[in-house]
C-alpha cells in the first residue's frame, strides 16, 4: 500500500478504512471544483486523477497527476473546508471514499490517530505545494511560452 494510508500504524489504518466505501468515476468526471465545499476525500485504487488550478482568463492549469494509493483532497481537514484545487478523472478511476466528518470524529476520539493523519496530510500538502509552484513557474514564468518579459 502506498501513500497516505501507508503512513499510518496498522491499527489506525484499519480504523480509517472501516469508514471507507468504494466509488468509481468515469474518465472526464469532475470530482470536485476549486472553492466548493470539501466534505469528503478519496484514496485512488486504480486509474489517474489530475489536480488543476483555476487561472483567470486561461484554461485551468494541471498541477499534478495522481495515481494508485494517492490522496485526492486534503482541504476537508482544515477550516473553511473548501477545495483549494479542482480534480478530474484522467482515466476511469476506482477509489476508496471517506466522509470527512466521520474521519474528523474518529480523529477527535483518538488523538494519536488524528496526529498521524494530520502529519501524513501535511506531507502530501507540502509535496503538492512544491509541485504547484514548479508547474506554475513552468507555465507562467518569464521564459514560459506565451508570456514575454
N, C-alpha and C. Protein backbone atom coordinates (compact mmCIF):
# COMPACT_ATOMS: atom_id res chain seq x y z
N UNK A 1 0.86 -1.19 0.00
CA UNK A 1 0.00 0.00 0.00
C UNK A 1 0.90 1.24 0.00
N UNK A 2 0.53 2.22 -0.79
CA UNK A 2 1.33 3.43 -0.90
C UNK A 2 0.56 4.60 -0.29
N UNK A 3 1.25 5.73 -0.24
CA UNK A 3 0.59 6.99 0.05
C UNK A 3 0.17 7.19 1.48
N UNK A 4 -0.88 7.95 1.61
CA UNK A 4 -1.36 8.42 2.91
C UNK A 4 -1.58 7.29 3.90
N UNK A 5 -2.25 6.24 3.51
CA UNK A 5 -2.59 5.18 4.44
C UNK A 5 -1.37 4.41 4.91
N UNK A 6 -0.34 4.30 4.08
CA UNK A 6 0.86 3.58 4.49
C UNK A 6 1.61 4.31 5.60
N UNK A 7 1.35 5.60 5.76
CA UNK A 7 2.00 6.37 6.82
C UNK A 7 1.38 6.11 8.19
N UNK A 8 0.24 5.43 8.23
CA UNK A 8 -0.46 5.17 9.49
C UNK A 8 -0.09 3.80 10.04
N UNK A 9 -0.09 3.68 11.37
CA UNK A 9 0.08 2.39 12.01
C UNK A 9 -1.09 1.49 11.58
N UNK A 10 -0.85 0.19 11.60
CA UNK A 10 -1.86 -0.77 11.15
C UNK A 10 -3.21 -0.55 11.84
N UNK A 11 -3.21 -0.37 13.16
CA UNK A 11 -4.48 -0.19 13.89
C UNK A 11 -5.19 1.08 13.45
N UNK A 12 -4.44 2.15 13.21
CA UNK A 12 -5.05 3.40 12.74
C UNK A 12 -5.59 3.24 11.32
N UNK A 13 -4.79 2.61 10.47
CA UNK A 13 -5.22 2.39 9.08
C UNK A 13 -6.52 1.58 9.05
N UNK A 14 -6.60 0.55 9.87
CA UNK A 14 -7.81 -0.28 9.91
C UNK A 14 -9.03 0.52 10.37
N UNK A 15 -8.84 1.39 11.36
CA UNK A 15 -9.97 2.21 11.86
C UNK A 15 -10.44 3.19 10.78
N UNK A 16 -9.50 3.79 10.06
CA UNK A 16 -9.88 4.71 8.99
C UNK A 16 -10.55 3.95 7.85
N UNK A 17 -9.97 2.83 7.46
CA UNK A 17 -10.53 2.05 6.35
C UNK A 17 -11.93 1.51 6.65
N UNK A 18 -12.24 1.34 7.92
CA UNK A 18 -13.59 0.89 8.27
C UNK A 18 -14.65 1.93 7.86
N UNK A 19 -14.23 3.17 7.64
CA UNK A 19 -15.15 4.23 7.24
C UNK A 19 -15.26 4.38 5.72
N UNK A 20 -14.45 3.63 4.97
CA UNK A 20 -14.39 3.79 3.51
C UNK A 20 -15.51 3.05 2.81
N UNK A 21 -15.89 3.58 1.67
CA UNK A 21 -16.72 2.81 0.74
C UNK A 21 -16.16 3.05 -0.67
N UNK A 22 -16.36 2.07 -1.52
CA UNK A 22 -15.78 2.12 -2.86
C UNK A 22 -16.65 2.91 -3.81
N UNK A 23 -15.99 3.72 -4.65
CA UNK A 23 -16.67 4.51 -5.67
C UNK A 23 -15.88 4.39 -6.96
N UNK A 24 -16.51 4.78 -8.05
CA UNK A 24 -15.79 4.84 -9.33
C UNK A 24 -16.21 6.11 -10.06
N UNK A 25 -15.29 6.62 -10.89
CA UNK A 25 -15.51 7.81 -11.69
C UNK A 25 -15.11 7.50 -13.13
N UNK A 26 -16.01 7.70 -14.09
CA UNK A 26 -15.62 7.54 -15.49
C UNK A 26 -14.59 8.61 -15.88
N UNK A 27 -13.81 8.31 -16.88
CA UNK A 27 -12.84 9.27 -17.40
C UNK A 27 -13.54 10.58 -17.74
N UNK A 28 -12.94 11.70 -17.38
CA UNK A 28 -13.50 13.02 -17.67
C UNK A 28 -14.42 13.56 -16.59
N UNK A 29 -14.73 12.78 -15.56
CA UNK A 29 -15.62 13.23 -14.49
C UNK A 29 -14.92 14.27 -13.62
N UNK A 30 -15.60 15.39 -13.37
CA UNK A 30 -15.07 16.37 -12.41
C UNK A 30 -15.41 15.84 -11.02
N UNK A 31 -14.39 15.58 -10.23
CA UNK A 31 -14.59 15.00 -8.90
C UNK A 31 -14.93 16.10 -7.91
N UNK A 32 -14.25 17.23 -8.02
CA UNK A 32 -14.62 18.40 -7.24
C UNK A 32 -14.08 19.65 -7.92
N UNK A 33 -14.64 20.80 -7.50
CA UNK A 33 -14.28 22.10 -8.08
C UNK A 33 -13.67 22.99 -7.01
N UNK A 34 -12.64 23.71 -7.40
CA UNK A 34 -11.99 24.68 -6.53
C UNK A 34 -13.03 25.64 -5.94
N UNK A 35 -12.93 25.89 -4.64
CA UNK A 35 -13.81 26.84 -3.96
C UNK A 35 -15.09 26.25 -3.41
N UNK A 36 -15.42 25.03 -3.78
CA UNK A 36 -16.65 24.39 -3.27
C UNK A 36 -16.38 23.66 -1.97
N UNK A 37 -17.45 23.22 -1.32
CA UNK A 37 -17.38 22.55 -0.02
C UNK A 37 -16.59 21.25 -0.11
N UNK A 38 -15.62 21.10 0.77
CA UNK A 38 -14.80 19.88 0.85
C UNK A 38 -15.34 19.03 2.00
N UNK A 39 -16.13 18.01 1.66
CA UNK A 39 -16.77 17.21 2.70
C UNK A 39 -16.42 15.73 2.61
N UNK A 40 -15.44 15.41 1.76
CA UNK A 40 -15.01 14.02 1.61
C UNK A 40 -13.62 14.01 1.00
N UNK A 41 -13.01 12.85 0.98
CA UNK A 41 -11.74 12.67 0.30
C UNK A 41 -11.66 11.23 -0.18
N UNK A 42 -10.66 10.95 -1.01
CA UNK A 42 -10.54 9.66 -1.66
C UNK A 42 -9.09 9.18 -1.64
N UNK A 43 -8.92 7.88 -1.67
CA UNK A 43 -7.63 7.24 -1.92
C UNK A 43 -7.83 6.45 -3.22
N UNK A 44 -7.01 6.75 -4.21
CA UNK A 44 -7.14 6.10 -5.51
C UNK A 44 -6.74 4.62 -5.41
N UNK A 45 -7.59 3.76 -5.94
CA UNK A 45 -7.27 2.33 -6.04
C UNK A 45 -6.69 2.03 -7.42
N UNK A 46 -7.38 2.48 -8.47
CA UNK A 46 -6.90 2.32 -9.85
C UNK A 46 -7.24 3.58 -10.63
N UNK A 47 -6.43 3.84 -11.66
CA UNK A 47 -6.69 4.99 -12.52
C UNK A 47 -5.84 6.19 -12.17
N UNK A 48 -6.15 7.31 -12.80
CA UNK A 48 -5.38 8.54 -12.62
C UNK A 48 -6.32 9.74 -12.54
N UNK A 49 -5.92 10.71 -11.72
CA UNK A 49 -6.70 11.93 -11.49
C UNK A 49 -5.76 13.12 -11.65
N UNK A 50 -6.23 14.16 -12.35
CA UNK A 50 -5.44 15.39 -12.44
C UNK A 50 -5.98 16.40 -11.44
N UNK A 51 -5.06 17.13 -10.84
CA UNK A 51 -5.41 18.27 -9.99
C UNK A 51 -5.15 19.52 -10.80
N UNK A 52 -6.09 20.47 -10.77
CA UNK A 52 -5.91 21.67 -11.56
C UNK A 52 -6.24 22.91 -10.75
N UNK A 53 -5.74 24.02 -11.25
CA UNK A 53 -5.87 25.32 -10.60
C UNK A 53 -6.50 26.30 -11.57
N UNK A 54 -7.57 26.97 -11.14
CA UNK A 54 -8.23 27.98 -11.97
C UNK A 54 -7.27 29.15 -12.17
N UNK A 55 -7.09 29.54 -13.41
CA UNK A 55 -6.27 30.69 -13.76
C UNK A 55 -7.16 31.64 -14.55
N UNK A 56 -7.50 32.82 -13.98
CA UNK A 56 -8.41 33.74 -14.67
C UNK A 56 -7.95 34.06 -16.09
N UNK A 57 -8.88 33.97 -17.02
CA UNK A 57 -8.61 34.29 -18.41
C UNK A 57 -7.89 33.19 -19.18
N UNK A 58 -7.64 32.08 -18.54
CA UNK A 58 -6.95 30.97 -19.19
C UNK A 58 -7.63 29.66 -18.83
N UNK A 59 -7.22 28.61 -19.53
CA UNK A 59 -7.68 27.28 -19.19
C UNK A 59 -7.06 26.88 -17.85
N UNK A 60 -7.74 26.04 -17.09
CA UNK A 60 -7.20 25.59 -15.81
C UNK A 60 -5.84 24.94 -16.02
N UNK A 61 -4.90 25.23 -15.13
CA UNK A 61 -3.55 24.68 -15.20
C UNK A 61 -3.51 23.35 -14.45
N UNK A 62 -3.10 22.29 -15.12
CA UNK A 62 -2.94 21.00 -14.45
C UNK A 62 -1.69 21.10 -13.58
N UNK A 63 -1.86 20.84 -12.31
CA UNK A 63 -0.78 20.96 -11.33
C UNK A 63 -0.07 19.64 -11.11
N UNK A 64 -0.85 18.56 -11.08
CA UNK A 64 -0.26 17.26 -10.76
C UNK A 64 -1.20 16.16 -11.24
N UNK A 65 -0.62 15.01 -11.53
CA UNK A 65 -1.40 13.83 -11.86
C UNK A 65 -1.15 12.80 -10.76
N UNK A 66 -2.25 12.26 -10.21
CA UNK A 66 -2.18 11.31 -9.11
C UNK A 66 -2.55 9.92 -9.59
N UNK A 67 -1.98 8.90 -8.92
CA UNK A 67 -2.26 7.53 -9.28
C UNK A 67 -2.58 6.68 -8.06
N UNK A 68 -2.57 5.36 -8.23
CA UNK A 68 -2.97 4.44 -7.17
C UNK A 68 -2.23 4.69 -5.84
N UNK A 69 -3.03 4.65 -4.76
CA UNK A 69 -2.51 4.85 -3.42
C UNK A 69 -2.47 6.30 -2.97
N UNK A 70 -2.69 7.23 -3.90
CA UNK A 70 -2.56 8.64 -3.55
C UNK A 70 -3.87 9.25 -3.08
N UNK A 71 -3.72 10.27 -2.27
CA UNK A 71 -4.83 11.02 -1.68
C UNK A 71 -5.38 12.02 -2.68
N UNK A 72 -6.70 12.01 -2.85
CA UNK A 72 -7.39 13.06 -3.60
C UNK A 72 -8.11 13.90 -2.56
N UNK A 73 -7.64 15.11 -2.35
CA UNK A 73 -8.31 16.04 -1.46
C UNK A 73 -7.80 16.02 -0.04
N UNK A 74 -7.31 17.18 0.41
CA UNK A 74 -6.92 17.36 1.81
C UNK A 74 -7.64 18.55 2.43
N UNK A 75 -8.35 19.31 1.66
CA UNK A 75 -8.98 20.55 2.13
C UNK A 75 -10.02 20.32 3.21
N UNK A 76 -10.58 19.12 3.31
CA UNK A 76 -11.58 18.75 4.31
C UNK A 76 -11.01 18.83 5.73
N UNK A 77 -9.69 18.78 5.84
CA UNK A 77 -9.05 18.70 7.16
C UNK A 77 -8.98 20.05 7.87
N UNK A 78 -9.06 21.14 7.12
CA UNK A 78 -8.85 22.47 7.69
C UNK A 78 -10.00 23.42 7.34
N UNK A 79 -10.48 24.19 8.32
CA UNK A 79 -11.49 25.20 8.00
C UNK A 79 -10.91 26.16 6.97
N UNK A 80 -11.69 26.64 6.05
CA UNK A 80 -13.14 26.61 5.98
C UNK A 80 -13.70 25.42 5.19
N UNK A 81 -12.93 24.36 5.03
CA UNK A 81 -13.39 23.14 4.34
C UNK A 81 -13.85 23.42 2.91
N UNK A 82 -13.02 24.14 2.17
CA UNK A 82 -13.30 24.37 0.74
C UNK A 82 -12.09 23.90 -0.07
N UNK A 83 -12.36 23.37 -1.25
CA UNK A 83 -11.30 22.85 -2.09
C UNK A 83 -10.37 23.95 -2.56
N UNK A 84 -9.08 23.69 -2.50
CA UNK A 84 -8.07 24.64 -2.97
C UNK A 84 -7.74 24.44 -4.45
N UNK A 85 -8.06 23.26 -4.97
CA UNK A 85 -7.83 22.92 -6.37
C UNK A 85 -9.08 22.23 -6.91
N UNK A 86 -9.08 21.92 -8.18
CA UNK A 86 -10.11 21.08 -8.77
C UNK A 86 -9.51 19.72 -9.09
N UNK A 87 -10.35 18.73 -9.33
CA UNK A 87 -9.87 17.39 -9.66
C UNK A 87 -10.74 16.77 -10.73
N UNK A 88 -10.10 16.05 -11.65
CA UNK A 88 -10.81 15.39 -12.74
C UNK A 88 -10.21 14.01 -12.99
N UNK A 89 -11.07 13.05 -13.26
CA UNK A 89 -10.60 11.70 -13.59
C UNK A 89 -9.96 11.72 -14.98
N UNK A 90 -8.69 11.41 -15.05
CA UNK A 90 -7.96 11.38 -16.32
C UNK A 90 -8.26 10.08 -17.06
N UNK A 91 -8.54 9.04 -16.31
CA UNK A 91 -8.91 7.73 -16.84
C UNK A 91 -10.02 7.20 -15.94
N UNK A 92 -10.61 6.07 -16.24
CA UNK A 92 -11.56 5.51 -15.27
C UNK A 92 -10.85 5.30 -13.92
N UNK A 93 -11.52 5.70 -12.86
CA UNK A 93 -10.92 5.66 -11.52
C UNK A 93 -11.81 4.84 -10.59
N UNK A 94 -11.16 4.01 -9.80
CA UNK A 94 -11.81 3.35 -8.66
C UNK A 94 -11.09 3.86 -7.43
N UNK A 95 -11.85 4.18 -6.39
CA UNK A 95 -11.25 4.79 -5.21
C UNK A 95 -12.02 4.41 -3.95
N UNK A 96 -11.33 4.56 -2.82
CA UNK A 96 -11.98 4.48 -1.52
C UNK A 96 -12.43 5.91 -1.19
N UNK A 97 -13.69 6.07 -0.83
CA UNK A 97 -14.21 7.39 -0.47
C UNK A 97 -14.44 7.43 1.03
N UNK A 98 -14.12 8.58 1.63
CA UNK A 98 -14.26 8.77 3.07
C UNK A 98 -15.08 10.03 3.34
N UNK A 99 -16.02 9.94 4.25
CA UNK A 99 -16.79 11.09 4.70
C UNK A 99 -15.91 11.88 5.67
N UNK A 100 -15.66 13.14 5.36
CA UNK A 100 -14.75 13.95 6.16
C UNK A 100 -15.20 14.09 7.60
N UNK A 101 -16.49 14.30 7.82
CA UNK A 101 -16.99 14.49 9.19
C UNK A 101 -16.75 13.23 10.02
N UNK A 102 -17.00 12.07 9.45
CA UNK A 102 -16.78 10.81 10.18
C UNK A 102 -15.30 10.63 10.52
N UNK A 103 -14.41 10.99 9.60
CA UNK A 103 -12.98 10.86 9.86
C UNK A 103 -12.54 11.87 10.91
N UNK A 104 -13.07 13.10 10.85
CA UNK A 104 -12.72 14.09 11.89
C UNK A 104 -13.18 13.63 13.27
N UNK A 105 -14.37 13.01 13.35
CA UNK A 105 -14.85 12.46 14.63
C UNK A 105 -13.90 11.38 15.15
N UNK A 106 -13.47 10.51 14.26
CA UNK A 106 -12.53 9.46 14.63
C UNK A 106 -11.22 10.07 15.15
N UNK A 107 -10.76 11.11 14.51
CA UNK A 107 -9.54 11.80 14.96
C UNK A 107 -9.73 12.45 16.32
N UNK A 108 -10.91 13.00 16.57
CA UNK A 108 -11.20 13.58 17.89
C UNK A 108 -11.21 12.52 18.98
N UNK A 109 -11.74 11.34 18.65
CA UNK A 109 -11.81 10.24 19.61
C UNK A 109 -10.45 9.64 19.90
N UNK A 110 -9.55 9.66 18.92
CA UNK A 110 -8.23 9.06 19.05
C UNK A 110 -7.18 10.08 18.61
N UNK A 111 -6.70 10.92 19.55
CA UNK A 111 -5.75 11.97 19.18
C UNK A 111 -4.47 11.45 18.52
N UNK A 112 -4.03 10.24 18.86
CA UNK A 112 -2.85 9.68 18.21
C UNK A 112 -3.09 9.43 16.74
N UNK A 113 -4.26 8.91 16.42
CA UNK A 113 -4.64 8.71 15.03
C UNK A 113 -4.76 10.07 14.34
N UNK A 114 -5.40 11.02 15.01
CA UNK A 114 -5.57 12.35 14.43
C UNK A 114 -4.25 13.01 14.11
N UNK A 115 -3.29 12.89 15.03
CA UNK A 115 -1.97 13.48 14.80
C UNK A 115 -1.29 12.80 13.61
N UNK A 116 -1.33 11.48 13.57
CA UNK A 116 -0.68 10.75 12.48
C UNK A 116 -1.31 11.09 11.13
N UNK A 117 -2.64 11.18 11.10
CA UNK A 117 -3.32 11.52 9.85
C UNK A 117 -3.01 12.96 9.43
N UNK A 118 -3.03 13.89 10.39
CA UNK A 118 -2.72 15.29 10.07
C UNK A 118 -1.28 15.41 9.56
N UNK A 119 -0.35 14.69 10.17
CA UNK A 119 1.05 14.73 9.73
C UNK A 119 1.19 14.15 8.32
N UNK A 120 0.52 13.03 8.05
CA UNK A 120 0.57 12.43 6.72
C UNK A 120 -0.03 13.39 5.68
N UNK A 121 -1.13 14.04 6.03
CA UNK A 121 -1.74 15.01 5.12
C UNK A 121 -0.82 16.21 4.91
N UNK A 122 -0.15 16.66 5.96
CA UNK A 122 0.78 17.79 5.85
C UNK A 122 1.91 17.46 4.88
N UNK A 123 2.38 16.23 4.90
CA UNK A 123 3.43 15.83 3.95
C UNK A 123 2.90 15.87 2.52
N UNK A 124 1.67 15.42 2.32
CA UNK A 124 1.05 15.49 0.99
C UNK A 124 0.91 16.96 0.56
N UNK A 125 0.46 17.81 1.47
CA UNK A 125 0.29 19.23 1.16
C UNK A 125 1.61 19.86 0.76
N UNK A 126 2.67 19.56 1.49
CA UNK A 126 3.99 20.10 1.16
C UNK A 126 4.43 19.69 -0.24
N UNK A 127 4.26 18.42 -0.58
CA UNK A 127 4.63 17.95 -1.92
C UNK A 127 3.78 18.63 -2.99
N UNK A 128 2.48 18.79 -2.70
CA UNK A 128 1.59 19.40 -3.69
C UNK A 128 1.91 20.87 -3.89
N UNK A 129 2.24 21.57 -2.82
CA UNK A 129 2.60 22.99 -2.96
C UNK A 129 3.86 23.14 -3.81
N UNK A 130 4.85 22.29 -3.56
CA UNK A 130 6.07 22.34 -4.37
C UNK A 130 5.77 22.02 -5.83
N UNK A 131 4.93 21.03 -6.06
CA UNK A 131 4.55 20.66 -7.42
C UNK A 131 3.81 21.81 -8.10
N UNK A 132 2.90 22.45 -7.38
CA UNK A 132 2.15 23.58 -7.94
C UNK A 132 3.08 24.73 -8.28
N UNK A 133 4.00 25.01 -7.40
CA UNK A 133 4.95 26.10 -7.64
C UNK A 133 5.77 25.82 -8.90
N UNK A 134 6.30 24.62 -8.99
CA UNK A 134 7.11 24.25 -10.15
C UNK A 134 6.30 24.32 -11.43
N UNK A 135 5.09 23.77 -11.39
CA UNK A 135 4.25 23.76 -12.59
C UNK A 135 3.87 25.17 -13.02
N UNK A 136 3.51 26.03 -12.08
CA UNK A 136 3.14 27.40 -12.43
C UNK A 136 4.33 28.18 -12.96
N UNK A 137 5.53 27.94 -12.42
CA UNK A 137 6.71 28.59 -12.97
C UNK A 137 6.97 28.12 -14.40
N UNK A 138 6.77 26.81 -14.64
CA UNK A 138 6.91 26.28 -15.99
C UNK A 138 5.93 26.94 -16.95
N UNK A 139 4.68 27.12 -16.50
CA UNK A 139 3.64 27.66 -17.37
C UNK A 139 3.70 29.17 -17.54
N UNK A 140 4.01 29.88 -16.45
CA UNK A 140 3.84 31.34 -16.46
C UNK A 140 5.08 32.12 -16.07
N UNK A 141 6.22 31.44 -15.93
CA UNK A 141 7.46 32.12 -15.59
C UNK A 141 7.94 32.99 -16.75
N UNK A 142 9.01 33.76 -16.52
CA UNK A 142 9.46 34.72 -17.53
C UNK A 142 9.91 34.08 -18.84
N UNK A 143 10.27 32.79 -18.84
CA UNK A 143 10.71 32.16 -20.07
C UNK A 143 9.70 31.15 -20.59
N UNK A 144 8.52 31.12 -20.00
CA UNK A 144 7.47 30.20 -20.45
C UNK A 144 6.89 30.70 -21.77
N UNK A 145 6.42 29.76 -22.56
CA UNK A 145 5.78 30.14 -23.81
C UNK A 145 4.52 30.94 -23.55
N UNK A 146 4.32 31.98 -24.31
CA UNK A 146 3.09 32.74 -24.22
C UNK A 146 3.17 33.96 -23.34
N UNK A 147 4.23 34.09 -22.55
CA UNK A 147 4.36 35.29 -21.70
C UNK A 147 5.73 35.89 -21.98
N UNK A 148 5.75 37.12 -22.36
CA UNK A 148 7.02 37.81 -22.65
C UNK A 148 7.45 38.61 -21.44
N UNK A 149 8.78 38.70 -21.22
CA UNK A 149 9.26 39.52 -20.10
C UNK A 149 9.05 40.99 -20.35
